Amino acid sequence: MALRRLLLRYFPPGIILEYVEGGESKTRSIDLLDLRPDTDVTALVEEIQKREPLITASCLEHITHLVQRLQEKLGEKQNHKFSLFKVLRTHILPLTNVAFNKSGSRFITGSYDRTCKLWDTASGEELHSLEGHRNVVYAIAFNNPYGDKIATGSFDKTCKVWSTETGKCYHTFRGHSAEIVCLSFNPQSTLLATGSMDTTAKLWDLEKGEEVASLNGHSAEIIALSFNTTGDRIITGSFDHTVAVWDVGTGRLLHTLIGHRGEISSAQFNWDCSLIVTGSMDKTCMLWDAVTGTHIATLAGHSKEVLDVCFDYAGQRIATASADGSARVYNAGTKQCIAKLEGHEDEISKVCFNPKGNCILTASSDKTARLWDAATGHCLQVLEGHADEIFSCAFNYRGDTIITGSKDNSCRIWH
């Protein structure tokens, strides 16, 4: 094995090793999820060298420099005030979803008008209109980190895969017997997963354009799915009150997470694939061991349904959004609620952390999106201007651009 080069990964903090083994180029990462601005760099680098055989004495200086750069990034103060950059009258009917590519240079919008549109973030210009579905385009995604493909899942029971560059359709996947409401590319961009109201999820081979597995086991609609970071596991959340953990390679059911007393609204792995968080209409959020499938904790406190849950990039904090108009932040280690985000006047349907993890974005039916300090719960900014409820919001990878999607048929870009 020969080390070729070292790359910096800002979010979550880490160093990527590019090396050659048996004539083949490979990568692996050193995750530095616990890095702080005051971490002892010398001791950390010594620890890395002990654990990682590719790191030799000759590159210790370089490693030290990279860790210091990561520390500088973590130490930067977040006082960015967002202002409206553009209002895009995106579709003739309401939007369903918005999503960024990895760099944030492009984003996509799905709509009830049966199309998905691709936009240039910097200019607000429409690049492609992806047309061909015969019903609502509900679920949309880029194959990040690559961003050269777009997937659209529709109420017409099909899923399509498109070229970002040309807007041409590569594949139409048929096989579901009801609406497709969620989808995701695996991290390697070799598979696409779709979840449907027909109670099944399916895995599709992007190269061959065919179904490789049908994940059968739920007794009601699947409305959420998510791959883990390594791509060897996928979770599906269902109206049957359970979340299922599947082996991607075999399509085998590994665990059923039983405990919620209402429909699942959201489910996600943390970065290091050790934990799963689930949100439910039973007003709670639950934390599970991803390896064994055992229940770790119930995070209670909301007075109405939990509509969305997410981890920060490092997997150390959890945010929940509820129909009670509040969001909450929990420490994934201690399971304690560390902040209550109160101020919205109606339900919050979407919550996400910025890449650095110190700021939270919420989207609400009260026609506003809000930015919050993740540590204190203090409201930093209210993004106003939409004429109807906001149901989708996202940060770009650098955390300096936001998009919001609303039932007013428009999308707003904030810088």
Protein backbone atom coordinates (compact mmCIF):
# COMPACT_ATOMS: atom_id res chain seq x y z
CA MET A 1 0.00 0.00 0.00
CA ALA A 2 1.30 3.43 -0.97
CA LEU A 3 -0.18 6.73 0.18
CA ARG A 4 -0.83 9.10 -2.74
CA ARG A 5 -2.29 12.15 -1.08
CA LEU A 6 -4.23 13.52 1.87
CA LEU A 7 -7.46 15.47 1.45
CA LEU A 8 -9.30 17.65 3.93
CA ARG A 9 -12.97 17.03 4.77
CA TYR A 10 -14.50 19.95 6.66
CA PHE A 11 -17.92 18.48 7.41
CA PRO A 12 -17.82 16.34 9.46
CA PRO A 13 -14.15 16.97 10.37
CA GLY A 14 -11.83 14.38 8.91
CA ILE A 15 -8.93 13.54 6.60
CA ILE A 16 -9.34 11.40 3.48
CA LEU A 17 -6.43 9.12 2.55
CA GLU A 18 -5.95 8.35 -1.13
CA TYR A 19 -3.72 5.30 -1.60
CA VAL A 20 -2.80 2.59 -4.10
CA GLU A 21 -3.24 -1.08 -3.27
CA GLY A 22 -2.60 -3.81 -5.82
CA GLY A 23 -2.48 -1.22 -8.60
CA GLU A 24 -5.93 0.07 -7.64
CA SER A 25 -6.70 3.57 -6.36
CA LYS A 26 -8.62 3.53 -3.05
CA THR A 27 -9.72 5.93 -0.32
CA ARG A 28 -10.46 5.70 3.36
CA SER A 29 -11.16 8.31 5.98
CA ILE A 30 -9.89 9.26 9.42
CA ASP A 31 -12.96 10.68 11.21
CA LEU A 32 -12.20 13.44 13.72
CA LEU A 33 -15.74 13.89 15.04
CA ASP A 34 -14.61 14.97 18.53
CA LEU A 35 -12.17 17.62 17.29
CA ARG A 36 -12.47 20.96 19.13
CA PRO A 37 -10.69 24.30 18.65
CA ASP A 38 -8.75 23.55 21.88
CA THR A 39 -7.81 19.90 21.13
CA ASP A 40 -4.10 19.07 21.66
CA VAL A 41 -2.99 18.63 18.03
CA THR A 42 0.35 16.94 18.78
CA ALA A 43 -1.28 14.25 20.93
CA LEU A 44 -4.05 13.73 18.36
CA VAL A 45 -1.59 13.33 15.48
CA GLU A 46 0.43 10.80 17.50
CA GLU A 47 -2.79 8.86 18.14
CA ILE A 48 -3.65 8.94 14.40
CA GLN A 49 -0.17 7.61 13.51
CA LYS A 50 -0.55 4.70 15.94
CA ARG A 51 -3.94 3.71 14.48
CA GLU A 52 -3.25 4.29 10.78
CA PRO A 53 -0.41 2.32 9.09
CA LEU A 54 -0.47 4.59 6.00
CA ILE A 55 0.62 7.57 8.10
CA THR A 56 4.42 7.55 8.28
CA ALA A 57 6.82 9.95 10.01
CA SER A 58 7.41 11.82 6.74
CA CYS A 59 3.82 13.07 6.54
CA LEU A 60 3.25 13.98 10.20
CA GLU A 61 3.93 17.65 9.53
CA HIS A 62 1.33 17.66 6.74
CA ILE A 63 -1.23 15.87 8.95
CA THR A 64 -0.61 18.42 11.73
CA HIS A 65 -1.21 21.26 9.26
CA LEU A 66 -4.49 19.68 8.08
CA VAL A 67 -5.77 19.19 11.63
CA GLN A 68 -4.92 22.83 12.44
CA ARG A 69 -6.89 23.95 9.36
CA LEU A 70 -9.88 21.92 10.57
CA GLN A 71 -9.55 23.54 14.00
CA GLU A 72 -9.52 27.02 12.43
CA LYS A 73 -12.72 26.18 10.54
CA LEU A 74 -14.40 24.96 13.74
CA GLY A 75 -13.28 28.10 15.58
CA GLU A 76 -14.77 30.53 13.05
CA LYS A 77 -17.61 32.55 14.56
CA GLN A 78 -21.00 32.04 12.94
CA ASN A 79 -22.59 35.46 12.66
CA HIS A 80 -23.69 35.29 9.04
CA LYS A 81 -26.91 37.19 8.43
CA PHE A 82 -28.89 35.79 5.51
CA SER A 83 -30.69 38.08 3.12
CA LEU A 84 -33.00 37.33 0.22
CA PHE A 85 -31.07 36.84 -3.02
CA LYS A 86 -33.78 35.69 -5.43
CA VAL A 87 -37.42 34.66 -5.61
CA LEU A 88 -37.99 31.98 -8.22
CA ARG A 89 -41.53 31.47 -9.49
CA THR A 90 -40.55 27.90 -10.07
CA HIS A 91 -43.69 25.98 -11.01
CA ILE A 92 -47.29 26.54 -12.06
CA LEU A 93 -48.49 24.29 -9.22
CA PRO A 94 -47.17 23.86 -5.63
CA LEU A 95 -43.72 22.49 -4.94
CA THR A 96 -43.17 19.18 -3.17
CA ASN A 97 -39.45 19.25 -2.40
CA VAL A 98 -36.14 21.07 -2.88
CA ALA A 99 -32.58 19.68 -2.79
CA PHE A 100 -29.01 20.93 -3.32
CA ASN A 101 -26.12 19.17 -5.01
CA LYS A 102 -23.03 18.75 -2.81
CA SER A 103 -21.32 22.04 -3.66
CA GLY A 104 -24.58 24.00 -3.67
CA SER A 105 -24.01 25.24 -7.23
CA ARG A 106 -27.25 23.60 -8.43
CA PHE A 107 -30.56 22.72 -6.86
CA ILE A 108 -33.73 20.92 -7.90
CA THR A 109 -37.43 21.45 -7.26
CA GLY A 110 -40.22 18.87 -7.55
CA SER A 111 -43.83 19.84 -8.14
CA TYR A 112 -47.46 18.87 -8.48
CA ASP A 113 -47.10 20.08 -12.10
CA ARG A 114 -45.45 16.67 -12.84
CA THR A 115 -41.98 18.13 -13.48
CA CYS A 116 -38.67 18.49 -11.69
CA LYS A 117 -36.62 21.57 -12.51
CA LEU A 118 -32.87 22.08 -12.23
CA TRP A 119 -31.60 25.54 -11.26
CA ASP A 120 -28.31 27.41 -11.14
CA THR A 121 -27.97 28.74 -7.59
CA ALA A 122 -25.71 31.70 -8.41
CA SER A 123 -27.90 33.15 -11.18
CA GLY A 124 -31.30 31.67 -10.31
CA GLU A 125 -31.54 30.52 -13.92
CA GLU A 126 -33.53 27.42 -14.92
CA LEU A 127 -31.16 24.91 -16.55
CA HIS A 128 -33.50 21.99 -17.30
CA SER A 129 -37.12 21.01 -16.91
CA LEU A 130 -37.29 17.23 -16.43
CA GLU A 131 -40.56 16.15 -18.02
CA GLY A 132 -42.11 12.73 -18.51
CA HIS A 133 -43.92 11.79 -15.30
CA ARG A 134 -47.70 11.43 -15.51
CA ASN A 135 -48.44 12.56 -11.97
CA VAL A 136 -47.01 14.55 -9.06
CA VAL A 137 -43.19 14.50 -8.75
CA TYR A 138 -42.91 14.01 -5.01
CA ALA A 139 -39.44 12.71 -4.09
CA ILE A 140 -36.25 14.15 -5.61
CA ALA A 141 -32.51 13.73 -5.02
CA PHE A 142 -29.03 14.29 -6.42
CA ASN A 143 -26.51 11.43 -6.30
CA ASN A 144 -24.26 13.41 -3.96
CA PRO A 145 -21.32 13.79 -3.65
CA TYR A 146 -21.07 13.35 -7.46
CA GLY A 147 -24.13 15.32 -8.50
CA ASP A 148 -24.17 14.09 -12.11
CA LYS A 149 -27.52 12.29 -11.71
CA ILE A 150 -30.97 13.27 -10.45
CA ALA A 151 -33.70 10.86 -9.33
CA THR A 152 -37.41 11.67 -9.33
CA GLY A 153 -40.11 9.56 -7.65
CA SER A 154 -43.71 10.12 -8.65
CA PHE A 155 -47.32 9.40 -7.76
CA ASP A 156 -47.41 7.71 -11.22
CA LYS A 157 -45.67 4.74 -9.43
CA THR A 158 -42.42 5.15 -11.41
CA CYS A 159 -39.01 6.55 -10.68
CA LYS A 160 -36.79 8.21 -13.27
CA VAL A 161 -33.04 8.83 -13.31
CA TRP A 162 -31.77 11.84 -15.29
CA SER A 163 -28.49 13.35 -16.42
CA THR A 164 -27.77 16.62 -14.60
CA GLU A 165 -25.69 17.78 -17.55
CA THR A 166 -28.11 17.15 -20.42
CA GLY A 167 -31.49 16.69 -18.70
CA LYS A 168 -31.94 13.40 -20.60
CA CYS A 169 -33.69 10.46 -18.88
CA TYR A 170 -31.35 7.46 -18.37
CA HIS A 171 -33.86 5.03 -16.84
CA THR A 172 -37.51 4.69 -15.89
CA PHE A 173 -37.94 2.20 -13.06
CA ARG A 174 -41.30 0.40 -13.03
CA GLY A 175 -42.38 -2.13 -10.41
CA HIS A 176 -44.15 -0.34 -7.57
CA SER A 177 -47.94 -0.69 -7.46
CA ALA A 178 -48.59 2.63 -5.70
CA GLU A 179 -47.13 6.14 -5.32
CA ILE A 180 -43.37 6.56 -4.71
CA VAL A 181 -42.94 8.99 -1.82
CA CYS A 182 -39.27 8.69 -0.82
CA LEU A 183 -35.99 7.82 -2.50
CA SER A 184 -32.25 7.95 -1.99
CA PHE A 185 -29.01 7.15 -3.82
CA ASN A 186 -26.48 5.04 -1.95
CA PRO A 187 -23.21 6.92 -1.16
CA GLN A 188 -21.35 5.06 -3.93
CA SER A 189 -24.00 6.06 -6.48
CA THR A 190 -24.41 2.49 -7.72
CA LEU A 191 -27.92 1.94 -6.33
CA LEU A 192 -31.14 3.88 -5.95
CA ALA A 193 -33.67 3.04 -3.25
CA THR A 194 -37.36 3.89 -3.58
CA GLY A 195 -40.09 3.69 -0.93
CA SER A 196 -43.75 3.42 -1.81
CA MET A 197 -47.31 3.53 -0.53
CA ASP A 198 -47.47 -0.13 -1.69
CA THR A 199 -45.64 -1.06 1.61
CA THR A 200 -42.38 -2.04 -0.17
CA ALA A 201 -39.03 -0.46 -0.86
CA LYS A 202 -36.97 -1.44 -3.89
CA LEU A 203 -33.28 -1.25 -4.76
CA TRP A 204 -32.35 -0.48 -8.38
CA ASP A 205 -29.00 -0.96 -10.13
CA LEU A 206 -28.10 2.34 -11.81
CA GLU A 207 -25.64 0.78 -14.24
CA LYS A 208 -27.95 -1.97 -15.52
CA GLY A 209 -31.17 -0.07 -15.00
CA GLU A 210 -32.95 -2.94 -13.25
CA GLU A 211 -34.45 -3.92 -9.90
CA VAL A 212 -32.01 -5.83 -7.68
CA ALA A 213 -34.07 -6.25 -4.50
CA SER A 214 -37.55 -5.77 -3.13
CA LEU A 215 -37.65 -5.07 0.61
CA ASN A 216 -40.87 -6.69 1.79
CA GLY A 217 -41.90 -6.79 5.45
CA HIS A 218 -43.89 -3.68 6.33
CA SER A 219 -47.66 -3.92 6.71
CA ALA A 220 -48.35 -0.28 5.75
CA GLU A 221 -47.00 2.54 3.57
CA ILE A 222 -43.26 3.35 3.61
CA ILE A 223 -42.75 7.10 3.89
CA ALA A 224 -39.06 7.44 4.85
CA LEU A 225 -35.83 5.71 3.89
CA SER A 226 -32.17 6.37 4.40
CA PHE A 227 -28.82 4.69 3.68
CA ASN A 228 -26.03 4.74 6.25
CA THR A 229 -22.72 6.46 5.40
CA THR A 230 -20.99 3.28 4.24
CA GLY A 231 -23.95 2.18 2.13
CA ASP A 232 -24.21 -1.38 3.51
CA ARG A 233 -27.45 -0.74 5.47
CA ILE A 234 -30.73 0.99 4.69
CA ILE A 235 -33.62 1.87 6.98
CA THR A 236 -37.29 2.21 6.05
CA GLY A 237 -39.90 3.99 8.17
CA SER A 238 -43.57 3.05 7.85
CA PHE A 239 -47.12 3.92 8.81
CA ASP A 240 -47.13 0.50 10.56
CA HIS A 241 -45.30 2.26 13.47
CA THR A 242 -42.01 0.42 12.82
CA VAL A 243 -38.62 1.06 11.22
CA ALA A 244 -36.86 -1.80 9.45
CA VAL A 245 -33.08 -2.18 9.06
CA TRP A 246 -32.01 -4.03 5.89
CA ASP A 247 -28.75 -5.46 4.56
CA VAL A 248 -28.20 -3.70 1.22
CA GLY A 249 -26.10 -6.50 -0.32
CA THR A 250 -28.63 -9.28 0.29
CA GLY A 251 -31.90 -7.38 0.75
CA ARG A 252 -32.35 -9.28 4.02
CA LEU A 253 -34.28 -7.82 6.97
CA LEU A 254 -31.84 -7.49 9.90
CA HIS A 255 -33.91 -5.73 12.59
CA THR A 256 -37.38 -4.34 13.12
CA LEU A 257 -37.37 -1.37 15.49
CA ILE A 258 -40.57 -1.73 17.51
CA GLY A 259 -41.62 0.80 20.14
CA HIS A 260 -43.41 3.74 18.55
CA ARG A 261 -47.18 3.96 18.99
CA GLY A 262 -47.87 6.01 15.89
CA GLU A 263 -46.86 6.34 12.26
CA ILE A 264 -43.15 6.98 11.58
CA SER A 265 -42.46 10.41 10.08
CA SER A 266 -38.68 10.36 9.76
CA ALA A 267 -35.64 8.09 10.27
CA GLN A 268 -31.89 8.64 9.91
CA PHE A 269 -28.48 7.09 10.70
CA ASN A 270 -25.76 9.13 12.36
CA TRP A 271 -22.44 9.65 10.58
CA ASP A 272 -20.49 6.74 12.10
CA CYS A 273 -23.46 4.33 11.53
CA SER A 274 -23.77 3.48 15.24
CA LEU A 275 -27.13 5.11 15.94
CA ILE A 276 -30.56 5.49 14.33
CA VAL A 277 -32.99 8.26 15.22
CA THR A 278 -36.72 7.96 14.48
CA GLY A 279 -39.57 10.47 14.74
CA SER A 280 -43.22 9.53 15.08
CA MET A 281 -46.79 10.77 15.18
CA ASP A 282 -46.83 9.45 18.79
CA LYS A 283 -45.12 12.79 19.77
CA THR A 284 -41.77 11.13 20.53
CA CYS A 285 -38.37 10.62 18.98
CA MET A 286 -36.48 7.39 19.69
CA LEU A 287 -32.81 6.51 19.61
CA TRP A 288 -31.69 2.99 18.61
CA ASP A 289 -28.46 1.00 18.42
CA ALA A 290 -27.94 0.57 14.67
CA VAL A 291 -25.91 -2.63 15.03
CA THR A 292 -28.15 -4.59 17.40
CA GLY A 293 -31.48 -2.86 16.75
CA THR A 294 -32.06 -2.30 20.47
CA HIS A 295 -33.92 0.72 21.86
CA ILE A 296 -31.59 3.14 23.66
CA ALA A 297 -33.81 6.07 24.65
CA THR A 298 -37.11 7.83 24.11
CA LEU A 299 -36.77 11.59 23.68
CA ALA A 300 -40.09 13.02 24.88
CA GLY A 301 -41.31 16.57 25.43
CA HIS A 302 -43.33 17.55 22.36
CA SER A 303 -47.09 17.99 22.85
CA LYS A 304 -47.98 17.07 19.26
CA GLU A 305 -46.65 14.85 16.43
CA VAL A 306 -42.90 14.82 15.66
CA LEU A 307 -42.74 15.58 11.92
CA ASP A 308 -38.98 15.55 11.30
CA VAL A 309 -35.77 14.44 13.02
CA CYS A 310 -32.11 14.74 12.08
CA PHE A 311 -28.56 14.34 13.37
CA ASP A 312 -25.88 16.98 12.96
CA TYR A 313 -22.99 15.98 10.65
CA ALA A 314 -20.89 14.63 13.54
CA GLY A 315 -23.81 12.63 14.97
CA GLN A 316 -23.53 14.29 18.37
CA ARG A 317 -26.78 16.24 18.44
CA ILE A 318 -30.33 15.46 17.39
CA ALA A 319 -32.95 18.01 16.32
CA THR A 320 -36.69 17.35 16.30
CA ALA A 321 -39.49 19.37 14.65
CA SER A 322 -43.08 19.13 15.77
CA ALA A 323 -46.66 20.01 14.91
CA ASP A 324 -46.70 21.83 18.28
CA GLY A 325 -44.73 24.67 16.61
CA SER A 326 -41.48 24.00 18.47
CA ALA A 327 -38.21 22.25 17.73
CA ARG A 328 -35.87 20.67 20.25
CA VAL A 329 -32.17 19.82 20.40
CA TYR A 330 -30.93 16.74 22.28
CA ASN A 331 -27.43 15.56 23.11
CA ALA A 332 -27.08 12.12 21.47
CA GLY A 333 -24.67 10.99 24.22
CA THR A 334 -26.53 12.11 27.35
CA LYS A 335 -30.02 11.99 25.71
CA GLN A 336 -30.77 15.30 27.48
CA CYS A 337 -32.74 18.12 25.87
CA ILE A 338 -30.24 20.98 25.58
CA ALA A 339 -32.40 23.58 23.82
CA LYS A 340 -36.04 24.36 23.01
CA LEU A 341 -36.59 26.36 19.84
CA GLU A 342 -39.79 28.34 20.41
CA GLY A 343 -41.18 31.16 18.28
CA HIS A 344 -42.97 29.67 15.27
CA GLU A 345 -46.75 30.22 15.25
CA ASP A 346 -47.66 26.96 13.52
CA GLU A 347 -46.31 23.46 12.90
CA ILE A 348 -42.68 22.89 11.86
CA SER A 349 -42.41 20.33 9.07
CA LYS A 350 -38.65 20.41 8.43
CA VAL A 351 -35.51 20.81 10.52
CA CYS A 352 -31.81 20.64 9.57
CA PHE A 353 -28.41 21.56 10.97
CA ASN A 354 -25.92 23.67 9.05
CA PRO A 355 -22.79 21.67 8.10
CA LYS A 356 -20.83 23.00 11.07
CA GLY A 357 -23.60 21.95 13.46
CA ASN A 358 -23.85 25.21 15.41
CA CYS A 359 -26.96 26.51 13.67
CA ILE A 360 -30.40 25.00 12.98
CA LEU A 361 -32.87 25.86 10.21
CA THR A 362 -36.62 25.23 10.57
CA ALA A 363 -39.44 25.53 8.02
CA SER A 364 -42.98 26.18 9.19
CA SER A 365 -46.62 26.47 8.16
CA ASP A 366 -46.53 30.03 9.60
CA LYS A 367 -44.90 31.06 6.24
CA THR A 368 -41.47 31.65 7.82
CA ALA A 369 -38.19 29.80 8.14
CA ARG A 370 -36.04 30.47 11.19
CA LEU A 371 -32.38 30.14 12.11
CA TRP A 372 -31.46 29.16 15.65
CA ASP A 373 -28.35 28.82 17.78
CA ALA A 374 -28.04 25.03 18.28
CA ALA A 375 -26.45 25.37 21.73
CA THR A 376 -28.77 27.95 23.32
CA GLY A 377 -31.99 27.70 21.28
CA HIS A 378 -31.84 31.46 20.70
CA CYS A 379 -33.55 32.60 17.47
CA LEU A 380 -30.89 34.22 15.27
CA GLN A 381 -33.03 35.23 12.30
CA VAL A 382 -36.52 34.98 10.79
CA LEU A 383 -36.66 34.49 7.00
CA GLU A 384 -39.90 36.15 5.92
CA GLY A 385 -41.56 36.74 2.56
CA HIS A 386 -43.27 33.53 1.47
CA ALA A 387 -47.05 33.89 1.03
CA ASP A 388 -47.91 30.35 2.15
CA GLU A 389 -46.52 27.54 4.30
CA ILE A 390 -42.87 26.52 3.88
CA PHE A 391 -42.43 22.75 3.87
CA SER A 392 -38.87 22.36 2.60
CA CYS A 393 -35.56 24.00 3.42
CA ALA A 394 -31.88 23.16 2.96
CA PHE A 395 -28.35 24.46 3.53
CA ASN A 396 -25.61 24.10 0.93
CA TYR A 397 -22.40 22.30 1.93
CA ARG A 398 -20.62 25.49 3.00
CA GLY A 399 -23.60 26.61 5.05
CA ASP A 400 -23.72 30.08 3.45
CA THR A 401 -26.74 29.56 1.16
CA ILE A 402 -30.27 28.44 2.02
CA ILE A 403 -33.20 27.46 -0.18
CA THR A 404 -36.80 27.43 1.01
CA GLY A 405 -39.73 25.87 -0.85
CA SER A 406 -43.30 26.95 -0.24
CA LYS A 407 -46.90 26.18 -1.13
CA ASP A 408 -46.95 29.66 -2.74
CA ASN A 409 -45.31 27.91 -5.77
CA SER A 410 -42.05 29.77 -5.24
CA CYS A 411 -38.61 28.97 -4.06
CA ARG A 412 -36.36 31.52 -2.36
CA ILE A 413 -32.57 31.62 -2.33
CA TRP A 414 -31.01 33.29 0.73
CA HIS A 415 -27.33 34.29 0.93
